[in-house]
PDB file of N, CA and C in Angstrom:
ATOM      1  N   MET A   1       0.740  -0.983   0.356  1.00  0.00           N
ATOM      2  CA  MET A   1       0.194  -0.169   0.053  1.00  0.00           C
ATOM      3  C   MET A   1       0.963   1.234  -0.309  1.00  0.00           C
ATOM      4  N   SER A   2       0.160   2.347  -0.743  1.00  0.00           N
ATOM      5  CA  SER A   2       1.694   3.152  -1.259  1.00  0.00           C
ATOM      6  C   SER A   2       1.094   4.431  -0.008  1.00  0.00           C
ATOM      7  N   THR A   3       1.983   5.938   0.840  1.00  0.00           N
ATOM      8  CA  THR A   3       0.931   6.241   1.591  1.00  0.00           C
ATOM      9  C   THR A   3       1.144   7.137   1.239  1.00  0.00           C
ATOM     10  N   PRO A   4       0.207   8.417   0.865  1.00  0.00           N
ATOM     11  CA  PRO A   4       0.048   9.223  -0.399  1.00  0.00           C
ATOM     12  C   PRO A   4       0.506  11.010   0.217  1.00  0.00           C
ATOM     13  N   ASP A   5       0.659  11.404  -1.696  1.00  0.00           N
ATOM     14  CA  ASP A   5       1.609  12.419  -0.534  1.00  0.00           C
ATOM     15  C   ASP A   5       0.877  13.933  -0.392  1.00  0.00           C
ATOM     16  N   PHE A   6       0.839  14.457   0.380  1.00  0.00           N
ATOM     17  CA  PHE A   6      -0.190  15.649   1.452  1.00  0.00           C
ATOM     18  C   PHE A   6       1.342  16.549   1.300  1.00  0.00           C
ATOM     19  N   SER A   7       2.527  16.396   0.453  1.00  0.00           N
ATOM     20  CA  SER A   7       2.411  18.083   0.680  1.00  0.00           C
ATOM     21  C   SER A   7       2.154  18.619   1.132  1.00  0.00           C
ATOM     22  N   THR A   8       2.630  19.853   1.216  1.00  0.00           N
ATOM     23  CA  THR A   8       2.142  21.045   1.480  1.00  0.00           C
ATOM     24  C   THR A   8       3.256  22.769   0.947  1.00  0.00           C
ATOM     25  N   ALA A   9       1.759  23.784   0.534  1.00  0.00           N
ATOM     26  CA  ALA A   9       2.345  23.963  -0.880  1.00  0.00           C
ATOM     27  C   ALA A   9       4.066  25.081   0.257  1.00  0.00           C
ATOM     28  N   GLU A  10       4.641  25.758  -0.763  1.00  0.00           N
ATOM     29  CA  GLU A  10       5.727  26.433  -0.274  1.00  0.00           C
ATOM     30  C   GLU A  10       5.369  28.340  -0.591  1.00  0.00           C
ATOM     31  N   ASN A  11       4.593  28.568  -1.156  1.00  0.00           N
ATOM     32  CA  ASN A  11       4.410  29.363  -0.954  1.00  0.00           C
ATOM     33  C   ASN A  11       2.656  30.690  -0.211  1.00  0.00           C
ATOM     34  N   ASN A  12       2.985  31.316   0.590  1.00  0.00           N
ATOM     35  CA  ASN A  12       2.041  31.614   0.770  1.00  0.00           C
ATOM     36  C   ASN A  12       0.713  32.210   0.448  1.00  0.00           C
ATOM     37  N   GLN A  13       0.693  32.521  -0.570  1.00  0.00           N
ATOM     38  CA  GLN A  13      -0.905  32.289  -1.392  1.00  0.00           C
ATOM     39  C   GLN A  13      -1.270  30.438  -1.723  1.00  0.00           C
ATOM     40  N   GLN A  14      -0.134  29.742  -2.336  1.00  0.00           N
ATOM     41  CA  GLN A  14      -1.263  28.614  -2.989  1.00  0.00           C
ATOM     42  C   GLN A  14      -1.342  27.747  -1.074  1.00  0.00           C
ATOM     43  N   LEU A  15      -0.722  28.169   0.272  1.00  0.00           N
ATOM     44  CA  LEU A  15      -1.403  27.560   1.019  1.00  0.00           C
ATOM     45  C   LEU A  15      -2.749  27.862   1.727  1.00  0.00           C
ATOM     46  N   SER A  16      -2.663  29.190   1.353  1.00  0.00           N
ATOM     47  CA  SER A  16      -3.841  29.733   1.874  1.00  0.00           C
ATOM     48  C   SER A  16      -5.300  28.782   1.425  1.00  0.00           C
ATOM     49  N   GLN A  17      -4.487  29.303  -0.569  1.00  0.00           N
ATOM     50  CA  GLN A  17      -5.481  28.636  -0.672  1.00  0.00           C
ATOM     51  C   GLN A  17      -6.096  26.738  -0.809  1.00  0.00           C
ATOM     52  N   GLU A  18      -5.006  26.257   0.356  1.00  0.00           N
ATOM     53  CA  GLU A  18      -5.256  24.879   0.424  1.00  0.00           C
ATOM     54  C   GLU A  18      -5.824  24.642   2.541  1.00  0.00           C
ATOM     55  N   VAL A  19      -5.596  26.378   2.547  1.00  0.00           N
ATOM     56  CA  VAL A  19      -6.925  25.430   3.822  1.00  0.00           C
ATOM     57  C   VAL A  19      -8.140  26.157   3.613  1.00  0.00           C
ATOM     58  N   SER A  20      -8.239  27.243   2.515  1.00  0.00           N
ATOM     59  CA  SER A  20      -9.785  27.785   2.128  1.00  0.00           C
ATOM     60  C   SER A  20     -10.131  26.473   1.617  1.00  0.00           C
ATOM     61  N   CYS A  21      -9.498  25.042   1.198  1.00  0.00           N
ATOM     62  CA  CYS A  21     -10.298  24.275  -0.196  1.00  0.00           C
ATOM     63  C   CYS A  21     -10.535  23.276   1.477  1.00  0.00           C
ATOM     64  N   LEU A  22      -9.214  23.518   2.344  1.00  0.00           N
ATOM     65  CA  LEU A  22      -9.439  22.762   2.792  1.00  0.00           C
ATOM     66  C   LEU A  22     -10.854  22.514   5.017  1.00  0.00           C
ATOM     67  N   LYS A  23     -11.318  24.265   4.777  1.00  0.00           N
ATOM     68  CA  LYS A  23     -12.237  23.975   5.089  1.00  0.00           C
ATOM     69  C   LYS A  23     -13.909  23.820   4.164  1.00  0.00           C
ATOM     70  N   ALA A  24     -13.516  24.441   2.892  1.00  0.00           N
ATOM     71  CA  ALA A  24     -14.903  24.525   1.641  1.00  0.00           C
ATOM     72  C   ALA A  24     -14.900  22.403   2.257  1.00  0.00           C
ATOM     73  N   LEU A  25     -14.613  21.530   2.395  1.00  0.00           N
ATOM     74  CA  LEU A  25     -13.933  20.438   2.794  1.00  0.00           C
ATOM     75  C   LEU A  25     -15.128  19.830   3.627  1.00  0.00           C
ATOM     76  N   LEU A  26     -14.016  20.388   5.196  1.00  0.00           N
ATOM     77  CA  LEU A  26     -14.586  19.961   6.616  1.00  0.00           C
ATOM     78  C   LEU A  26     -16.050  20.140   6.415  1.00  0.00           C
ATOM     79  N   THR A  27     -17.769  21.473   5.501  1.00  0.00           N
ATOM     80  CA  THR A  27     -18.415  22.569   5.808  1.00  0.00           C
ATOM     81  C   THR A  27     -18.888  20.812   5.277  1.00  0.00           C
ATOM     82  N   LEU A  28     -18.485  19.929   3.635  1.00  0.00           N
ATOM     83  CA  LEU A  28     -19.150  19.491   3.058  1.00  0.00           C
ATOM     84  C   LEU A  28     -19.798  18.413   3.985  1.00  0.00           C
ATOM     85  N   MET A  29     -18.494  17.948   5.101  1.00  0.00           N
ATOM     86  CA  MET A  29     -18.495  16.859   5.536  1.00  0.00           C
ATOM     87  C   MET A  29     -19.547  17.057   6.683  1.00  0.00           C
ATOM     88  N   LEU A  30     -19.153  17.819   7.223  1.00  0.00           N
ATOM     89  CA  LEU A  30     -20.279  18.314   8.342  1.00  0.00           C
ATOM     90  C   LEU A  30     -21.800  18.007   7.306  1.00  0.00           C
ATOM     91  N   GLN A  31     -21.647  18.366   6.475  1.00  0.00           N
ATOM     92  CA  GLN A  31     -23.428  18.980   5.795  1.00  0.00           C
ATOM     93  C   GLN A  31     -23.429  17.579   5.802  1.00  0.00           C
ATOM     94  N   ALA A  32     -22.712  16.483   5.297  1.00  0.00           N
ATOM     95  CA  ALA A  32     -22.986  15.054   4.259  1.00  0.00           C
ATOM     96  C   ALA A  32     -23.466  14.904   6.028  1.00  0.00           C
ATOM     97  N   MET A  33     -23.244  14.695   7.353  1.00  0.00           N
ATOM     98  CA  MET A  33     -22.780  13.656   8.420  1.00  0.00           C
ATOM     99  C   MET A  33     -24.677  14.301   8.761  1.00  0.00           C
ATOM    100  N   GLY A  34     -25.426  14.845   8.698  1.00  0.00           N
ATOM    101  CA  GLY A  34     -27.010  15.137   9.656  1.00  0.00           C
ATOM    102  C   GLY A  34     -26.741  16.369  10.688  1.00  0.00           C
ATOM    103  N   GLN A  35     -27.471  16.224  11.059  1.00  0.00           N
ATOM    104  CA  GLN A  35     -27.589  17.438  12.054  1.00  0.00           C
ATOM    105  C   GLN A  35     -26.829  17.006  13.414  1.00  0.00           C
ATOM    106  N   ALA A  36     -27.314  16.173  13.610  1.00  0.00           N
ATOM    107  CA  ALA A  36     -26.824  15.692  15.277  1.00  0.00           C
ATOM    108  C   ALA A  36     -25.602  15.651  15.168  1.00  0.00           C
ATOM    109  N   ASP A  37     -24.468  14.841  13.573  1.00  0.00           N
ATOM    110  CA  ASP A  37     -23.373  14.056  14.060  1.00  0.00           C
ATOM    111  C   ASP A  37     -22.467  15.597  14.083  1.00  0.00           C
ATOM    112  N   ALA A  38     -23.527  15.828  13.053  1.00  0.00           N
ATOM    113  CA  ALA A  38     -22.721  17.952  13.180  1.00  0.00           C
ATOM    114  C   ALA A  38     -22.402  18.593  13.773  1.00  0.00           C
ATOM    115  N   GLY A  39     -22.969  18.583  14.967  1.00  0.00           N
ATOM    116  CA  GLY A  39     -24.037  19.520  16.151  1.00  0.00           C
ATOM    117  C   GLY A  39     -22.874  18.742  17.080  1.00  0.00           C
ATOM    118  N   ARG A  40     -22.711  17.689  17.581  1.00  0.00           N
ATOM    119  CA  ARG A  40     -22.127  17.306  18.499  1.00  0.00           C
ATOM    120  C   ARG A  40     -19.983  17.900  17.650  1.00  0.00           C
ATOM    121  N   VAL A  41     -19.540  17.069  16.473  1.00  0.00           N
ATOM    122  CA  VAL A  41     -18.762  17.165  16.068  1.00  0.00           C
ATOM    123  C   VAL A  41     -17.879  19.203  16.561  1.00  0.00           C
ATOM    124  N   ILE A  42     -18.694  19.661  16.002  1.00  0.00           N
ATOM    125  CA  ILE A  42     -18.916  21.389  16.972  1.00  0.00           C
ATOM    126  C   ILE A  42     -18.372  22.026  17.609  1.00  0.00           C
ATOM    127  N   LEU A  43     -19.179  21.210  18.231  1.00  0.00           N
ATOM    128  CA  LEU A  43     -19.567  21.387  20.354  1.00  0.00           C
ATOM    129  C   LEU A  43     -17.542  20.353  20.792  1.00  0.00           C
ATOM    130  N   LYS A  44     -17.489  19.402  20.455  1.00  0.00           N
ATOM    131  CA  LYS A  44     -16.600  18.599  20.624  1.00  0.00           C
ATOM    132  C   LYS A  44     -14.973  19.969  19.768  1.00  0.00           C
ATOM    133  N   MET A  45     -15.221  19.873  19.292  1.00  0.00           N
ATOM    134  CA  MET A  45     -14.174  20.973  18.388  1.00  0.00           C
ATOM    135  C   MET A  45     -13.541  22.872  19.431  1.00  0.00           C
ATOM    136  N   GLU A  46     -15.063  22.909  19.936  1.00  0.00           N
ATOM    137  CA  GLU A  46     -15.398  24.219  20.331  1.00  0.00           C
ATOM    138  C   GLU A  46     -14.390  23.662  21.434  1.00  0.00           C
ATOM    139  N   LYS A  47     -14.691  22.293  22.585  1.00  0.00           N
ATOM    140  CA  LYS A  47     -14.218  22.206  23.827  1.00  0.00           C
ATOM    141  C   LYS A  47     -13.064  21.846  23.801  1.00  0.00           C
ATOM    142  N   GLN A  48     -12.437  21.231  22.790  1.00  0.00           N
ATOM    143  CA  GLN A  48     -11.061  20.645  22.109  1.00  0.00           C
ATOM    144  C   GLN A  48     -10.653  22.674  22.593  1.00  0.00           C
ATOM    145  N   ILE A  49     -11.238  23.569  21.925  1.00  0.00           N
ATOM    146  CA  ILE A  49     -10.486  24.929  21.704  1.00  0.00           C
ATOM    147  C   ILE A  49     -10.133  25.495  23.682  1.00  0.00           C
ATOM    148  N   GLY A  50     -11.459  24.745  24.116  1.00  0.00           N
ATOM    149  CA  GLY A  50     -11.173  26.258  25.590  1.00  0.00           C
ATOM    150  C   GLY A  50     -10.499  25.579  25.697  1.00  0.00           C
ATOM    151  N   GLN A  51      -9.805  24.297  25.426  1.00  0.00           N
ATOM    152  CA  GLN A  51      -9.005  23.066  26.637  1.00  0.00           C
ATOM    153  C   GLN A  51      -7.459  23.459  26.370  1.00  0.00           C
ATOM    154  N   MET A  52      -7.034  24.096  25.327  1.00  0.00           N
ATOM    155  CA  MET A  52      -5.863  24.677  24.436  1.00  0.00           C
ATOM    156  C   MET A  52      -4.925  26.102  25.449  1.00  0.00           C
ATOM    157  N   GLU A  53      -3.762  24.968  25.705  1.00  0.00           N
ATOM    158  CA  GLU A  53      -3.099  26.346  26.142  1.00  0.00           C
ATOM    159  C   GLU A  53      -2.655  27.314  25.771  1.00  0.00           C
ATOM    160  N   ASP A  54      -2.100  28.316  24.376  1.00  0.00           N
ATOM    161  CA  ASP A  54      -2.261  28.681  23.602  1.00  0.00           C
ATOM    162  C   ASP A  54      -3.084  29.707  23.040  1.00  0.00           C
ATOM    163  N   GLU A  55      -3.088  31.464  24.142  1.00  0.00           N
ATOM    164  CA  GLU A  55      -4.522  31.508  23.436  1.00  0.00           C
ATOM    165  C   GLU A  55      -4.598  32.160  22.583  1.00  0.00           C
ATOM    166  N   ALA A  56      -3.005  32.455  21.081  1.00  0.00           N
ATOM    167  CA  ALA A  56      -2.745  32.651  19.823  1.00  0.00           C
ATOM    168  C   ALA A  56      -3.359  31.739  19.097  1.00  0.00           C
ATOM    169  N   GLN A  57      -2.632  30.466  19.101  1.00  0.00           N
ATOM    170  CA  GLN A  57      -3.538  29.257  18.860  1.00  0.00           C
ATOM    171  C   GLN A  57      -4.748  29.063  18.958  1.00  0.00           C
ATOM    172  N   ALA A  58      -5.497  28.800  19.557  1.00  0.00           N
ATOM    173  CA  ALA A  58      -6.665  28.889  20.378  1.00  0.00           C
ATOM    174  C   ALA A  58      -8.150  30.012  19.682  1.00  0.00           C
ATOM    175  N   ALA A  59      -7.414  30.956  19.795  1.00  0.00           N
ATOM    176  CA  ALA A  59      -8.235  32.019  18.765  1.00  0.00           C
ATOM    177  C   ALA A  59      -8.132  31.482  17.213  1.00  0.00           C
ATOM    178  N   VAL A  60      -7.060  31.240  16.671  1.00  0.00           N
ATOM    179  CA  VAL A  60      -6.990  31.634  14.860  1.00  0.00           C
ATOM    180  C   VAL A  60      -8.114  29.964  14.888  1.00  0.00           C
ATOM    181  N   PHE A  61      -7.506  28.343  15.257  1.00  0.00           N
ATOM    182  CA  PHE A  61      -9.039  27.635  15.564  1.00  0.00           C
ATOM    183  C   PHE A  61      -9.685  28.506  15.816  1.00  0.00           C
ATOM    184  N   SER A  62     -10.141  29.162  16.685  1.00  0.00           N
ATOM    185  CA  SER A  62     -12.460  29.013  17.946  1.00  0.00           C
ATOM    186  C   SER A  62     -12.502  30.365  15.874  1.00  0.00           C
ATOM    187  N   SER A  63     -11.810  30.899  15.632  1.00  0.00           N
ATOM    188  CA  SER A  63     -12.063  31.719  14.480  1.00  0.00           C
ATOM    189  C   SER A  63     -12.370  31.033  12.629  1.00  0.00           C
ATOM    190  N   THR A  64     -11.650  29.565  12.829  1.00  0.00           N
ATOM    191  CA  THR A  64     -12.293  28.789  12.262  1.00  0.00           C
ATOM    192  C   THR A  64     -12.788  28.254  11.970  1.00  0.00           C
ATOM    193  N   VAL A  65     -13.181  27.628  13.053  1.00  0.00           N
ATOM    194  CA  VAL A  65     -14.672  26.707  13.405  1.00  0.00           C
ATOM    195  C   VAL A  65     -15.755  27.982  13.329  1.00  0.00           C
ATOM    196  N   GLN A  66     -15.499  29.310  13.459  1.00  0.00           N
ATOM    197  CA  GLN A  66     -16.519  29.844  13.493  1.00  0.00           C
ATOM    198  C   GLN A  66     -17.039  30.205  12.005  1.00  0.00           C
ATOM    199  N   GLN A  67     -16.008  29.963  11.378  1.00  0.00           N
ATOM    200  CA  GLN A  67     -16.258  30.453  10.256  1.00  0.00           C
ATOM    201  C   GLN A  67     -17.130  28.914   9.225  1.00  0.00           C
ATOM    202  N   ILE A  68     -15.924  28.446   9.800  1.00  0.00           N
ATOM    203  CA  ILE A  68     -16.884  26.476   9.565  1.00  0.00           C
ATOM    204  C   ILE A  68     -17.746  26.536  10.205  1.00  0.00           C
ATOM    205  N   LYS A  69     -18.665  27.245  11.101  1.00  0.00           N
ATOM    206  CA  LYS A  69     -20.235  27.462  12.306  1.00  0.00           C
ATOM    207  C   LYS A  69     -20.849  27.821  10.268  1.00  0.00           C
ATOM    208  N   GLN A  70     -20.168  28.641   9.982  1.00  0.00           N
ATOM    209  CA  GLN A  70     -21.324  30.251   9.138  1.00  0.00           C
ATOM    210  C   GLN A  70     -21.182  29.651   8.055  1.00  0.00           C
ATOM    211  N   ALA A  71     -20.093  28.426   7.376  1.00  0.00           N
ATOM    212  CA  ALA A  71     -20.742  28.134   6.410  1.00  0.00           C
ATOM    213  C   ALA A  71     -21.707  27.454   6.108  1.00  0.00           C
ATOM    214  N   TYR A  72     -21.884  26.621   7.821  1.00  0.00           N
ATOM    215  CA  TYR A  72     -22.410  24.821   7.268  1.00  0.00           C
ATOM    216  C   TYR A  72     -23.770  25.215   7.136  1.00  0.00           C
ATOM    217  N   ARG A  73     -24.450  26.526   8.184  1.00  0.00           N
ATOM    218  CA  ARG A  73     -25.314  26.808   8.515  1.00  0.00           C
ATOM    219  C   ARG A  73     -26.162  27.884   7.313  1.00  0.00           C
ATOM    220  N   GLN A  74     -25.612  27.818   5.676  1.00  0.00           N
ATOM    221  CA  GLN A  74     -25.979  28.686   4.430  1.00  0.00           C
ATOM    222  C   GLN A  74     -26.402  27.620   4.369  1.00  0.00           C
TER     223      GLN A  74
END
C-alpha cells in the first residue's frame, strides 16, 4: 500500500488556498453527516479550543470554527 503525498505548498498564496479548500471540505462533510452528528463534532471542536493552553492558537482555531459554522448554516 502506498502512502499518499500530502505535501504542502511553499508559498503563502497556495497555502492559503489549500486551507480554504480544507475548510470547504470540512463544511461539506459536516453537511453530509446530518445535523445531530455535525452538531456533536462542532461542540467537540469548541471544547478542544477551550482546553488549549496557547491563547493565540486557540483564537485562530476559534475563528476557523466560526467560519465553518457560518458556512454550514448556509
